[in-house]
mmCIF file of all heavy atoms, coordinates in Angstrom:
data_MODEL
# 
_entry.id   MODEL 
# 
loop_
_atom_site.group_PDB 
_atom_site.id 
_atom_site.type_symbol 
_atom_site.label_atom_id 
_atom_site.label_alt_id 
_atom_site.label_comp_id 
_atom_site.label_asym_id 
_atom_site.label_entity_id 
_atom_site.label_seq_id 
_atom_site.pdbx_PDB_ins_code 
_atom_site.Cartn_x 
_atom_site.Cartn_y 
_atom_site.Cartn_z 
_atom_site.occupancy 
_atom_site.B_iso_or_equiv 
_atom_site.pdbx_formal_charge 
_atom_site.auth_seq_id 
_atom_site.auth_comp_id 
_atom_site.auth_asym_id 
_atom_site.auth_atom_id 
_atom_site.pdbx_PDB_model_num 
ATOM 1   N N   . TYR A 1 1  ? 222.857 -85.661 -30.456 1.00 0.00 ? 1  TYR A N   1 
ATOM 2   C CA  . TYR A 1 1  ? 221.500 -86.203 -30.492 1.00 0.00 ? 1  TYR A CA  1 
ATOM 3   C C   . TYR A 1 1  ? 221.492 -87.652 -30.972 1.00 0.00 ? 1  TYR A C   1 
ATOM 4   O O   . TYR A 1 1  ? 220.593 -88.420 -30.615 1.00 0.00 ? 1  TYR A O   1 
ATOM 5   C CB  . TYR A 1 1  ? 220.634 -85.342 -31.406 1.00 0.00 ? 1  TYR A CB  1 
ATOM 6   C CG  . TYR A 1 1  ? 219.156 -85.659 -31.329 1.00 0.00 ? 1  TYR A CG  1 
ATOM 7   C CD1 . TYR A 1 1  ? 218.381 -85.193 -30.269 1.00 0.00 ? 1  TYR A CD1 1 
ATOM 8   C CD2 . TYR A 1 1  ? 218.533 -86.420 -32.312 1.00 0.00 ? 1  TYR A CD2 1 
ATOM 9   C CE1 . TYR A 1 1  ? 217.028 -85.484 -30.195 1.00 0.00 ? 1  TYR A CE1 1 
ATOM 10  C CE2 . TYR A 1 1  ? 217.184 -86.710 -32.249 1.00 0.00 ? 1  TYR A CE2 1 
ATOM 11  C CZ  . TYR A 1 1  ? 216.422 -86.248 -31.188 1.00 0.00 ? 1  TYR A CZ  1 
ATOM 12  O OH  . TYR A 1 1  ? 215.091 -86.533 -31.118 1.00 0.00 ? 1  TYR A OH  1 
ATOM 13  N N   . GLY A 1 2  ? 222.496 -88.030 -31.748 1.00 0.00 ? 2  GLY A N   1 
ATOM 14  C CA  . GLY A 1 2  ? 222.547 -89.398 -32.252 1.00 0.00 ? 2  GLY A CA  1 
ATOM 15  C C   . GLY A 1 2  ? 222.546 -90.428 -31.135 1.00 0.00 ? 2  GLY A C   1 
ATOM 16  O O   . GLY A 1 2  ? 221.966 -91.502 -31.276 1.00 0.00 ? 2  GLY A O   1 
ATOM 17  N N   . CYS A 1 3  ? 223.179 -90.115 -30.018 1.00 0.00 ? 3  CYS A N   1 
ATOM 18  C CA  . CYS A 1 3  ? 223.217 -91.039 -28.875 1.00 0.00 ? 3  CYS A CA  1 
ATOM 19  C C   . CYS A 1 3  ? 222.307 -90.604 -27.735 1.00 0.00 ? 3  CYS A C   1 
ATOM 20  O O   . CYS A 1 3  ? 221.850 -91.434 -26.951 1.00 0.00 ? 3  CYS A O   1 
ATOM 21  C CB  . CYS A 1 3  ? 224.653 -91.160 -28.346 1.00 0.00 ? 3  CYS A CB  1 
ATOM 22  S SG  . CYS A 1 3  ? 225.712 -92.265 -29.304 1.00 0.00 ? 3  CYS A SG  1 
ATOM 23  N N   . HIS A 1 4  ? 222.053 -89.290 -27.643 1.00 0.00 ? 4  HIS A N   1 
ATOM 24  C CA  . HIS A 1 4  ? 221.354 -88.761 -26.481 1.00 0.00 ? 4  HIS A CA  1 
ATOM 25  C C   . HIS A 1 4  ? 219.947 -88.252 -26.807 1.00 0.00 ? 4  HIS A C   1 
ATOM 26  O O   . HIS A 1 4  ? 219.439 -87.360 -26.123 1.00 0.00 ? 4  HIS A O   1 
ATOM 27  C CB  . HIS A 1 4  ? 222.178 -87.630 -25.858 1.00 0.00 ? 4  HIS A CB  1 
ATOM 28  C CG  . HIS A 1 4  ? 223.513 -88.083 -25.352 1.00 0.00 ? 4  HIS A CG  1 
ATOM 29  N ND1 . HIS A 1 4  ? 223.642 -88.872 -24.231 1.00 0.00 ? 4  HIS A ND1 1 
ATOM 30  C CD2 . HIS A 1 4  ? 224.772 -87.864 -25.823 1.00 0.00 ? 4  HIS A CD2 1 
ATOM 31  C CE1 . HIS A 1 4  ? 224.936 -89.114 -24.022 1.00 0.00 ? 4  HIS A CE1 1 
ATOM 32  N NE2 . HIS A 1 4  ? 225.638 -88.517 -24.971 1.00 0.00 ? 4  HIS A NE2 1 
ATOM 33  N N   . ALA A 1 5  ? 219.328 -88.821 -27.834 1.00 0.00 ? 5  ALA A N   1 
ATOM 34  C CA  . ALA A 1 5  ? 217.971 -88.407 -28.190 1.00 0.00 ? 5  ALA A CA  1 
ATOM 35  C C   . ALA A 1 5  ? 217.011 -88.651 -27.029 1.00 0.00 ? 5  ALA A C   1 
ATOM 36  O O   . ALA A 1 5  ? 216.148 -87.817 -26.737 1.00 0.00 ? 5  ALA A O   1 
ATOM 37  C CB  . ALA A 1 5  ? 217.505 -89.161 -29.432 1.00 0.00 ? 5  ALA A CB  1 
ATOM 38  N N   . ARG A 1 6  ? 217.153 -89.772 -26.357 1.00 0.00 ? 6  ARG A N   1 
ATOM 39  C CA  . ARG A 1 6  ? 216.261 -90.102 -25.241 1.00 0.00 ? 6  ARG A CA  1 
ATOM 40  C C   . ARG A 1 6  ? 216.429 -89.095 -24.115 1.00 0.00 ? 6  ARG A C   1 
ATOM 41  O O   . ARG A 1 6  ? 215.450 -88.663 -23.492 1.00 0.00 ? 6  ARG A O   1 
ATOM 42  C CB  . ARG A 1 6  ? 216.543 -91.519 -24.756 1.00 0.00 ? 6  ARG A CB  1 
ATOM 43  C CG  . ARG A 1 6  ? 215.637 -91.958 -23.613 1.00 0.00 ? 6  ARG A CG  1 
ATOM 44  C CD  . ARG A 1 6  ? 215.939 -93.393 -23.209 1.00 0.00 ? 6  ARG A CD  1 
ATOM 45  N NE  . ARG A 1 6  ? 215.074 -93.816 -22.117 1.00 0.00 ? 6  ARG A NE  1 
ATOM 46  C CZ  . ARG A 1 6  ? 213.843 -94.281 -22.251 1.00 0.00 ? 6  ARG A CZ  1 
ATOM 47  N NH1 . ARG A 1 6  ? 213.319 -94.363 -23.466 1.00 0.00 ? 6  ARG A NH1 1 
ATOM 48  N NH2 . ARG A 1 6  ? 213.134 -94.659 -21.210 1.00 0.00 ? 6  ARG A NH2 1 
ATOM 49  N N   . ASP A 1 7  ? 217.690 -88.701 -23.820 1.00 0.00 ? 7  ASP A N   1 
ATOM 50  C CA  . ASP A 1 7  ? 217.933 -87.717 -22.766 1.00 0.00 ? 7  ASP A CA  1 
ATOM 51  C C   . ASP A 1 7  ? 217.285 -86.378 -23.127 1.00 0.00 ? 7  ASP A C   1 
ATOM 52  O O   . ASP A 1 7  ? 216.712 -85.703 -22.268 1.00 0.00 ? 7  ASP A O   1 
ATOM 53  C CB  . ASP A 1 7  ? 219.442 -87.520 -22.564 1.00 0.00 ? 7  ASP A CB  1 
ATOM 54  C CG  . ASP A 1 7  ? 220.133 -88.815 -22.187 1.00 0.00 ? 7  ASP A CG  1 
ATOM 55  O OD1 . ASP A 1 7  ? 219.792 -89.378 -21.132 1.00 0.00 ? 7  ASP A OD1 1 
ATOM 56  O OD2 . ASP A 1 7  ? 220.996 -89.269 -22.953 1.00 0.00 ? 7  ASP A OD2 1 
ATOM 57  N N   . TYR A 1 8  ? 217.366 -86.005 -24.395 1.00 0.00 ? 8  TYR A N   1 
ATOM 58  C CA  . TYR A 1 8  ? 216.797 -84.739 -24.845 1.00 0.00 ? 8  TYR A CA  1 
ATOM 59  C C   . TYR A 1 8  ? 215.276 -84.763 -24.749 1.00 0.00 ? 8  TYR A C   1 
ATOM 60  O O   . TYR A 1 8  ? 214.650 -83.833 -24.211 1.00 0.00 ? 8  TYR A O   1 
ATOM 61  C CB  . TYR A 1 8  ? 217.233 -84.470 -26.285 1.00 0.00 ? 8  TYR A CB  1 
ATOM 62  C CG  . TYR A 1 8  ? 216.651 -83.229 -26.895 1.00 0.00 ? 8  TYR A CG  1 
ATOM 63  C CD1 . TYR A 1 8  ? 217.311 -82.000 -26.792 1.00 0.00 ? 8  TYR A CD1 1 
ATOM 64  C CD2 . TYR A 1 8  ? 215.446 -83.267 -27.596 1.00 0.00 ? 8  TYR A CD2 1 
ATOM 65  C CE1 . TYR A 1 8  ? 216.781 -80.851 -27.354 1.00 0.00 ? 8  TYR A CE1 1 
ATOM 66  C CE2 . TYR A 1 8  ? 214.901 -82.128 -28.162 1.00 0.00 ? 8  TYR A CE2 1 
ATOM 67  C CZ  . TYR A 1 8  ? 215.571 -80.920 -28.043 1.00 0.00 ? 8  TYR A CZ  1 
ATOM 68  O OH  . TYR A 1 8  ? 215.041 -79.774 -28.603 1.00 0.00 ? 8  TYR A OH  1 
ATOM 69  N N   . GLU A 1 9  ? 214.667 -85.828 -25.263 1.00 0.00 ? 9  GLU A N   1 
ATOM 70  C CA  . GLU A 1 9  ? 213.206 -85.899 -25.324 1.00 0.00 ? 9  GLU A CA  1 
ATOM 71  C C   . GLU A 1 9  ? 212.573 -86.027 -23.938 1.00 0.00 ? 9  GLU A C   1 
ATOM 72  O O   . GLU A 1 9  ? 211.443 -85.587 -23.730 1.00 0.00 ? 9  GLU A O   1 
ATOM 73  C CB  . GLU A 1 9  ? 212.773 -87.084 -26.192 1.00 0.00 ? 9  GLU A CB  1 
ATOM 74  C CG  . GLU A 1 9  ? 213.254 -87.025 -27.634 1.00 0.00 ? 9  GLU A CG  1 
ATOM 75  C CD  . GLU A 1 9  ? 212.651 -85.862 -28.413 1.00 0.00 ? 9  GLU A CD  1 
ATOM 76  O OE1 . GLU A 1 9  ? 211.622 -85.310 -27.960 1.00 0.00 ? 9  GLU A OE1 1 
ATOM 77  O OE2 . GLU A 1 9  ? 213.211 -85.507 -29.473 1.00 0.00 ? 9  GLU A OE2 1 
ATOM 78  N N   . HIS A 1 10 ? 213.272 -86.611 -22.983 1.00 0.00 ? 10 HIS A N   1 
ATOM 79  C CA  . HIS A 1 10 ? 212.694 -86.849 -21.656 1.00 0.00 ? 10 HIS A CA  1 
ATOM 80  C C   . HIS A 1 10 ? 213.105 -85.806 -20.635 1.00 0.00 ? 10 HIS A C   1 
ATOM 81  O O   . HIS A 1 10 ? 212.720 -85.900 -19.465 1.00 0.00 ? 10 HIS A O   1 
ATOM 82  C CB  . HIS A 1 10 ? 213.078 -88.242 -21.153 1.00 0.00 ? 10 HIS A CB  1 
ATOM 83  C CG  . HIS A 1 10 ? 212.369 -89.357 -21.864 1.00 0.00 ? 10 HIS A CG  1 
ATOM 84  N ND1 . HIS A 1 10 ? 212.749 -89.795 -23.114 1.00 0.00 ? 10 HIS A ND1 1 
ATOM 85  C CD2 . HIS A 1 10 ? 211.291 -90.112 -21.514 1.00 0.00 ? 10 HIS A CD2 1 
ATOM 86  C CE1 . HIS A 1 10 ? 211.955 -90.792 -23.498 1.00 0.00 ? 10 HIS A CE1 1 
ATOM 87  N NE2 . HIS A 1 10 ? 211.053 -90.995 -22.544 1.00 0.00 ? 10 HIS A NE2 1 
ATOM 88  N N   . ALA A 1 11 ? 213.887 -84.832 -21.028 1.00 0.00 ? 11 ALA A N   1 
ATOM 89  C CA  . ALA A 1 11 ? 214.264 -83.777 -20.090 1.00 0.00 ? 11 ALA A CA  1 
ATOM 90  C C   . ALA A 1 11 ? 213.041 -82.911 -19.780 1.00 0.00 ? 11 ALA A C   1 
ATOM 91  O O   . ALA A 1 11 ? 212.361 -82.441 -20.693 1.00 0.00 ? 11 ALA A O   1 
ATOM 92  C CB  . ALA A 1 11 ? 215.390 -82.936 -20.676 1.00 0.00 ? 11 ALA A CB  1 
ATOM 93  N N   . VAL A 1 12 ? 212.738 -82.686 -18.496 1.00 0.00 ? 12 VAL A N   1 
ATOM 94  C CA  . VAL A 1 12 ? 211.533 -81.940 -18.114 1.00 0.00 ? 12 VAL A CA  1 
ATOM 95  C C   . VAL A 1 12 ? 211.824 -80.681 -17.303 1.00 0.00 ? 12 VAL A C   1 
ATOM 96  O O   . VAL A 1 12 ? 210.941 -79.864 -17.102 1.00 0.00 ? 12 VAL A O   1 
ATOM 97  C CB  . VAL A 1 12 ? 210.569 -82.847 -17.313 1.00 0.00 ? 12 VAL A CB  1 
ATOM 98  C CG1 . VAL A 1 12 ? 210.020 -83.942 -18.210 1.00 0.00 ? 12 VAL A CG1 1 
ATOM 99  C CG2 . VAL A 1 12 ? 211.263 -83.437 -16.093 1.00 0.00 ? 12 VAL A CG2 1 
ATOM 100 N N   . HIS A 1 13 ? 213.018 -80.506 -16.832 1.00 0.00 ? 13 HIS A N   1 
ATOM 101 C CA  . HIS A 1 13 ? 213.351 -79.324 -16.018 1.00 0.00 ? 13 HIS A CA  1 
ATOM 102 C C   . HIS A 1 13 ? 214.556 -78.610 -16.602 1.00 0.00 ? 13 HIS A C   1 
ATOM 103 O O   . HIS A 1 13 ? 215.669 -78.751 -16.102 1.00 0.00 ? 13 HIS A O   1 
ATOM 104 C CB  . HIS A 1 13 ? 213.623 -79.720 -14.563 1.00 0.00 ? 13 HIS A CB  1 
ATOM 105 C CG  . HIS A 1 13 ? 212.429 -80.244 -13.836 1.00 0.00 ? 13 HIS A CG  1 
ATOM 106 N ND1 . HIS A 1 13 ? 211.336 -79.456 -13.540 1.00 0.00 ? 13 HIS A ND1 1 
ATOM 107 C CD2 . HIS A 1 13 ? 212.154 -81.478 -13.349 1.00 0.00 ? 13 HIS A CD2 1 
ATOM 108 C CE1 . HIS A 1 13 ? 210.443 -80.192 -12.895 1.00 0.00 ? 13 HIS A CE1 1 
ATOM 109 N NE2 . HIS A 1 13 ? 210.908 -81.416 -12.771 1.00 0.00 ? 13 HIS A NE2 1 
ATOM 110 N N   . PRO A 1 14 ? 214.371 -77.822 -17.681 1.00 0.00 ? 14 PRO A N   1 
ATOM 111 C CA  . PRO A 1 14 ? 213.116 -77.572 -18.395 1.00 0.00 ? 14 PRO A CA  1 
ATOM 112 C C   . PRO A 1 14 ? 212.871 -78.606 -19.492 1.00 0.00 ? 14 PRO A C   1 
ATOM 113 O O   . PRO A 1 14 ? 213.744 -79.401 -19.799 1.00 0.00 ? 14 PRO A O   1 
ATOM 114 C CB  . PRO A 1 14 ? 213.370 -76.188 -19.012 1.00 0.00 ? 14 PRO A CB  1 
ATOM 115 C CG  . PRO A 1 14 ? 214.835 -76.195 -19.293 1.00 0.00 ? 14 PRO A CG  1 
ATOM 116 C CD  . PRO A 1 14 ? 215.469 -76.960 -18.159 1.00 0.00 ? 14 PRO A CD  1 
ATOM 117 N N   . ASN A 1 15 ? 211.690 -78.522 -20.070 1.00 0.00 ? 15 ASN A N   1 
ATOM 118 C CA  . ASN A 1 15 ? 211.307 -79.401 -21.173 1.00 0.00 ? 15 ASN A CA  1 
ATOM 119 C C   . ASN A 1 15 ? 212.038 -78.930 -22.429 1.00 0.00 ? 15 ASN A C   1 
ATOM 120 O O   . ASN A 1 15 ? 211.702 -77.910 -23.016 1.00 0.00 ? 15 ASN A O   1 
ATOM 121 C CB  . ASN A 1 15 ? 209.789 -79.357 -21.375 1.00 0.00 ? 15 ASN A CB  1 
ATOM 122 C CG  . ASN A 1 15 ? 209.328 -80.417 -22.350 1.00 0.00 ? 15 ASN A CG  1 
ATOM 123 O OD1 . ASN A 1 15 ? 209.905 -80.605 -23.415 1.00 0.00 ? 15 ASN A OD1 1 
ATOM 124 N ND2 . ASN A 1 15 ? 208.234 -81.103 -21.999 1.00 0.00 ? 15 ASN A ND2 1 
ATOM 125 N N   . HIS A 1 16 ? 213.059 -79.690 -22.839 1.00 0.00 ? 16 HIS A N   1 
ATOM 126 C CA  . HIS A 1 16 ? 213.913 -79.250 -23.940 1.00 0.00 ? 16 HIS A CA  1 
ATOM 127 C C   . HIS A 1 16 ? 213.147 -79.167 -25.263 1.00 0.00 ? 16 HIS A C   1 
ATOM 128 O O   . HIS A 1 16 ? 213.312 -78.221 -26.031 1.00 0.00 ? 16 HIS A O   1 
ATOM 129 C CB  . HIS A 1 16 ? 215.103 -80.202 -24.095 1.00 0.00 ? 16 HIS A CB  1 
ATOM 130 C CG  . HIS A 1 16 ? 216.127 -80.054 -23.026 1.00 0.00 ? 16 HIS A CG  1 
ATOM 131 N ND1 . HIS A 1 16 ? 215.824 -79.674 -21.748 1.00 0.00 ? 16 HIS A ND1 1 
ATOM 132 C CD2 . HIS A 1 16 ? 217.487 -80.237 -23.049 1.00 0.00 ? 16 HIS A CD2 1 
ATOM 133 C CE1 . HIS A 1 16 ? 216.929 -79.620 -21.020 1.00 0.00 ? 16 HIS A CE1 1 
ATOM 134 N NE2 . HIS A 1 16 ? 217.954 -79.964 -21.790 1.00 0.00 ? 16 HIS A NE2 1 
ATOM 135 N N   . ALA A 1 17 ? 212.317 -80.202 -25.531 1.00 0.00 ? 17 ALA A N   1 
ATOM 136 C CA  . ALA A 1 17 ? 211.599 -80.232 -26.806 1.00 0.00 ? 17 ALA A CA  1 
ATOM 137 C C   . ALA A 1 17 ? 210.591 -79.087 -26.881 1.00 0.00 ? 17 ALA A C   1 
ATOM 138 O O   . ALA A 1 17 ? 210.494 -78.386 -27.896 1.00 0.00 ? 17 ALA A O   1 
ATOM 139 C CB  . ALA A 1 17 ? 210.899 -81.582 -26.978 1.00 0.00 ? 17 ALA A CB  1 
ATOM 140 N N   . ALA A 1 18 ? 209.815 -78.860 -25.804 1.00 0.00 ? 18 ALA A N   1 
ATOM 141 C CA  . ALA A 1 18 ? 208.812 -77.796 -25.805 1.00 0.00 ? 18 ALA A CA  1 
ATOM 142 C C   . ALA A 1 18 ? 209.452 -76.421 -25.894 1.00 0.00 ? 18 ALA A C   1 
ATOM 143 O O   . ALA A 1 18 ? 208.904 -75.500 -26.515 1.00 0.00 ? 18 ALA A O   1 
ATOM 144 C CB  . ALA A 1 18 ? 207.954 -77.895 -24.539 1.00 0.00 ? 18 ALA A CB  1 
ATOM 145 N N   . ALA A 1 19 ? 210.639 -76.283 -25.291 1.00 0.00 ? 19 ALA A N   1 
ATOM 146 C CA  . ALA A 1 19 ? 211.303 -74.986 -25.311 1.00 0.00 ? 19 ALA A CA  1 
ATOM 147 C C   . ALA A 1 19 ? 212.062 -74.739 -26.608 1.00 0.00 ? 19 ALA A C   1 
ATOM 148 O O   . ALA A 1 19 ? 212.548 -73.642 -26.848 1.00 0.00 ? 19 ALA A O   1 
ATOM 149 C CB  . ALA A 1 19 ? 212.262 -74.890 -24.127 1.00 0.00 ? 19 ALA A CB  1 
ATOM 150 N N   . GLY A 1 20 ? 212.144 -75.770 -27.439 1.00 0.00 ? 20 GLY A N   1 
ATOM 151 C CA  . GLY A 1 20 ? 212.841 -75.614 -28.713 1.00 0.00 ? 20 GLY A CA  1 
ATOM 152 C C   . GLY A 1 20 ? 214.345 -75.477 -28.568 1.00 0.00 ? 20 GLY A C   1 
ATOM 153 O O   . GLY A 1 20 ? 215.001 -74.821 -29.376 1.00 0.00 ? 20 GLY A O   1 
ATOM 154 N N   . PHE A 1 21 ? 214.897 -76.098 -27.520 1.00 0.00 ? 21 PHE A N   1 
ATOM 155 C CA  . PHE A 1 21 ? 216.349 -76.033 -27.322 1.00 0.00 ? 21 PHE A CA  1 
ATOM 156 C C   . PHE A 1 21 ? 217.055 -76.754 -28.479 1.00 0.00 ? 21 PHE A C   1 
ATOM 157 O O   . PHE A 1 21 ? 216.528 -77.725 -29.034 1.00 0.00 ? 21 PHE A O   1 
ATOM 158 C CB  . PHE A 1 21 ? 216.743 -76.695 -26.001 1.00 0.00 ? 21 PHE A CB  1 
ATOM 159 C CG  . PHE A 1 21 ? 216.354 -75.890 -24.793 1.00 0.00 ? 21 PHE A CG  1 
ATOM 160 C CD1 . PHE A 1 21 ? 216.406 -76.457 -23.528 1.00 0.00 ? 21 PHE A CD1 1 
ATOM 161 C CD2 . PHE A 1 21 ? 215.944 -74.569 -24.909 1.00 0.00 ? 21 PHE A CD2 1 
ATOM 162 C CE1 . PHE A 1 21 ? 216.054 -75.736 -22.404 1.00 0.00 ? 21 PHE A CE1 1 
ATOM 163 C CE2 . PHE A 1 21 ? 215.590 -73.833 -23.791 1.00 0.00 ? 21 PHE A CE2 1 
ATOM 164 C CZ  . PHE A 1 21 ? 215.641 -74.417 -22.535 1.00 0.00 ? 21 PHE A CZ  1 
ATOM 165 N N   . PRO A 1 22 ? 218.245 -76.323 -28.825 1.00 0.00 ? 22 PRO A N   1 
ATOM 166 C CA  . PRO A 1 22 ? 218.983 -77.000 -29.902 1.00 0.00 ? 22 PRO A CA  1 
ATOM 167 C C   . PRO A 1 22 ? 219.356 -78.418 -29.497 1.00 0.00 ? 22 PRO A C   1 
ATOM 168 O O   . PRO A 1 22 ? 219.553 -78.713 -28.312 1.00 0.00 ? 22 PRO A O   1 
ATOM 169 C CB  . PRO A 1 22 ? 220.225 -76.126 -30.086 1.00 0.00 ? 22 PRO A CB  1 
ATOM 170 C CG  . PRO A 1 22 ? 220.378 -75.397 -28.805 1.00 0.00 ? 22 PRO A CG  1 
ATOM 171 C CD  . PRO A 1 22 ? 218.992 -75.162 -28.285 1.00 0.00 ? 22 PRO A CD  1 
ATOM 172 N N   . ARG A 1 23 ? 219.453 -79.281 -30.489 1.00 0.00 ? 23 ARG A N   1 
ATOM 173 C CA  . ARG A 1 23 ? 219.798 -80.670 -30.214 1.00 0.00 ? 23 ARG A CA  1 
ATOM 174 C C   . ARG A 1 23 ? 221.305 -80.873 -30.060 1.00 0.00 ? 23 ARG A C   1 
ATOM 175 O O   . ARG A 1 23 ? 221.730 -81.983 -29.736 1.00 0.00 ? 23 ARG A O   1 
ATOM 176 C CB  . ARG A 1 23 ? 219.262 -81.566 -31.332 1.00 0.00 ? 23 ARG A CB  1 
ATOM 177 C CG  . ARG A 1 23 ? 217.741 -81.638 -31.358 1.00 0.00 ? 23 ARG A CG  1 
ATOM 178 C CD  . ARG A 1 23 ? 217.256 -82.558 -32.452 1.00 0.00 ? 23 ARG A CD  1 
ATOM 179 N NE  . ARG A 1 23 ? 215.811 -82.744 -32.400 1.00 0.00 ? 23 ARG A NE  1 
ATOM 180 C CZ  . ARG A 1 23 ? 215.132 -83.510 -33.246 1.00 0.00 ? 23 ARG A CZ  1 
ATOM 181 N NH1 . ARG A 1 23 ? 215.774 -84.159 -34.219 1.00 0.00 ? 23 ARG A NH1 1 
ATOM 182 N NH2 . ARG A 1 23 ? 213.821 -83.635 -33.126 1.00 0.00 ? 23 ARG A NH2 1 
ATOM 183 N N   . ALA A 1 24 ? 222.050 -79.868 -30.309 1.00 0.00 ? 24 ALA A N   1 
ATOM 184 C CA  . ALA A 1 24 ? 223.494 -79.935 -30.065 1.00 0.00 ? 24 ALA A CA  1 
ATOM 185 C C   . ALA A 1 24 ? 223.720 -79.706 -28.570 1.00 0.00 ? 24 ALA A C   1 
ATOM 186 O O   . ALA A 1 24 ? 223.765 -78.569 -28.098 1.00 0.00 ? 24 ALA A O   1 
ATOM 187 C CB  . ALA A 1 24 ? 224.219 -78.896 -30.900 1.00 0.00 ? 24 ALA A CB  1 
ATOM 188 N N   . CYS A 1 25 ? 223.841 -80.781 -27.840 1.00 0.00 ? 25 CYS A N   1 
ATOM 189 C CA  . CYS A 1 25 ? 223.913 -80.704 -26.375 1.00 0.00 ? 25 CYS A CA  1 
ATOM 190 C C   . CYS A 1 25 ? 225.054 -79.818 -25.896 1.00 0.00 ? 25 CYS A C   1 
ATOM 191 O O   . CYS A 1 25 ? 224.964 -79.213 -24.823 1.00 0.00 ? 25 CYS A O   1 
ATOM 192 C CB  . CYS A 1 25 ? 224.078 -82.104 -25.788 1.00 0.00 ? 25 CYS A CB  1 
ATOM 193 S SG  . CYS A 1 25 ? 222.812 -83.280 -26.356 1.00 0.00 ? 25 CYS A SG  1 
ATOM 194 N N   . VAL A 1 26 ? 226.127 -79.754 -26.675 1.00 0.00 ? 26 VAL A N   1 
ATOM 195 C CA  . VAL A 1 26 ? 227.294 -78.980 -26.240 1.00 0.00 ? 26 VAL A CA  1 
ATOM 196 C C   . VAL A 1 26 ? 226.992 -77.490 -26.159 1.00 0.00 ? 26 VAL A C   1 
ATOM 197 O O   . VAL A 1 26 ? 227.796 -76.726 -25.636 1.00 0.00 ? 26 VAL A O   1 
ATOM 198 C CB  . VAL A 1 26 ? 228.490 -79.226 -27.182 1.00 0.00 ? 26 VAL A CB  1 
ATOM 199 C CG1 . VAL A 1 26 ? 228.986 -80.653 -27.065 1.00 0.00 ? 26 VAL A CG1 1 
ATOM 200 C CG2 . VAL A 1 26 ? 228.119 -78.896 -28.620 1.00 0.00 ? 26 VAL A CG2 1 
# 
């Protein structure tokens, strides 16, 4: 998330933030 916060917040298919997905992309 330190580098990919923008990718996480702007993901819409599905919406990562709304779905409560973990911020650990791995």
